């Protein structure tokens, strides 16, 4: 299961980076990205989202997210 998620997240991140200009044409300008990341902020934000998806895809099979400290879980989440 972990390797299926690896392929899924890595592939989704790669596709996000590869098709960034097509995604940009679909989504348009993001004002917050333009404000914080500069003139090409939307493109940079799409690339960062793709890179984060790729990182999650690579890190998950190696168990990076398995032994997180339970004290950092918000209190509202522990009541679910």
Protein backbone atom coordinates (compact mmCIF):
# COMPACT_ATOMS: atom_id res chain seq x y z
CA UNK A 1 0.00 0.00 0.00
CA UNK A 2 2.83 2.39 0.79
CA UNK A 3 4.38 1.96 -2.62
CA UNK A 4 1.07 2.58 -4.35
CA UNK A 5 0.77 5.86 -2.45
CA UNK A 6 4.39 6.62 -3.34
CA UNK A 7 3.63 6.23 -7.03
CA UNK A 8 0.39 8.19 -6.70
CA UNK A 9 1.83 11.18 -4.83
CA UNK A 10 5.09 11.29 -6.78
CA UNK A 11 3.23 11.03 -10.08
CA UNK A 12 0.75 13.71 -9.06
CA UNK A 13 3.57 16.01 -7.98
CA UNK A 14 5.49 15.39 -11.19
CA UNK A 15 2.39 16.01 -13.29
CA UNK A 16 1.72 19.22 -11.34
CA UNK A 17 5.20 20.50 -12.11
CA UNK A 18 5.17 19.26 -15.70
CA UNK A 19 1.78 20.82 -16.51
CA UNK A 20 2.23 23.97 -14.42
CA UNK A 21 1.46 26.37 -17.25
CA UNK A 22 -1.71 24.49 -18.16
CA UNK A 23 -2.76 24.56 -14.50
CA UNK A 24 -1.93 28.26 -14.43
CA UNK A 25 -4.19 28.90 -17.41
CA UNK A 26 -7.00 26.96 -15.71
CA UNK A 27 -6.68 28.54 -12.26
CA UNK A 28 -5.61 32.06 -13.21
CA UNK A 29 -3.65 34.40 -10.94
CA UNK A 30 -3.58 33.75 -7.22
CA UNK A 31 -3.41 37.10 -5.48
CA UNK A 32 -1.79 35.75 -2.31
CA UNK A 33 0.92 34.03 -4.36
CA UNK A 34 1.57 37.15 -6.39
CA UNK A 35 1.84 39.16 -3.17
CA UNK A 36 4.20 36.83 -1.28
CA UNK A 37 6.18 35.17 -4.09
CA UNK A 38 6.59 37.97 -6.60
CA UNK A 39 5.54 38.54 -10.19
CA UNK A 40 5.48 34.86 -11.13
CA UNK A 41 4.03 33.87 -7.77
CA UNK A 42 1.28 31.62 -9.08
CA UNK A 43 3.70 29.53 -11.12
CA UNK A 44 6.10 29.31 -8.17
CA UNK A 45 3.25 28.26 -5.86
CA UNK A 46 2.18 25.51 -8.28
CA UNK A 47 5.78 24.27 -8.45
CA UNK A 48 6.02 24.29 -4.64
CA UNK A 49 2.78 22.31 -4.34
CA UNK A 50 4.14 19.76 -6.81
CA UNK A 51 7.44 19.55 -4.92
CA UNK A 52 5.63 19.04 -1.60
CA UNK A 53 3.53 16.26 -3.14
CA UNK A 54 6.69 14.61 -4.47
CA UNK A 55 8.36 14.90 -1.04
CA UNK A 56 5.36 13.30 0.67
CA UNK A 57 5.37 10.54 -1.93
CA UNK A 58 9.04 9.75 -1.34
CA UNK A 59 9.01 10.18 2.45
CA UNK A 60 5.89 8.12 3.22
CA UNK A 61 7.22 4.66 2.24
CA UNK A 62 10.31 5.23 4.37
CA UNK A 63 8.18 5.77 7.48
CA UNK A 64 8.81 9.45 8.00
CA UNK A 65 5.21 10.08 9.06
CA UNK A 66 4.71 6.98 11.24
CA UNK A 67 6.35 7.97 14.52
CA UNK A 68 5.30 11.57 14.89
CA UNK A 69 5.04 12.93 18.41
CA UNK A 70 1.39 12.61 19.50
CA UNK A 71 1.67 15.73 21.66
CA UNK A 72 1.64 17.94 18.58
CA UNK A 73 -1.83 16.74 17.56
CA UNK A 74 -4.40 19.50 18.07
CA UNK A 75 -6.89 18.91 20.88
CA UNK A 76 -9.89 19.14 18.57
CA UNK A 77 -8.46 16.32 16.49
CA UNK A 78 -8.03 13.99 19.48
CA UNK A 79 -11.75 14.20 20.27
CA UNK A 80 -12.77 12.68 16.92
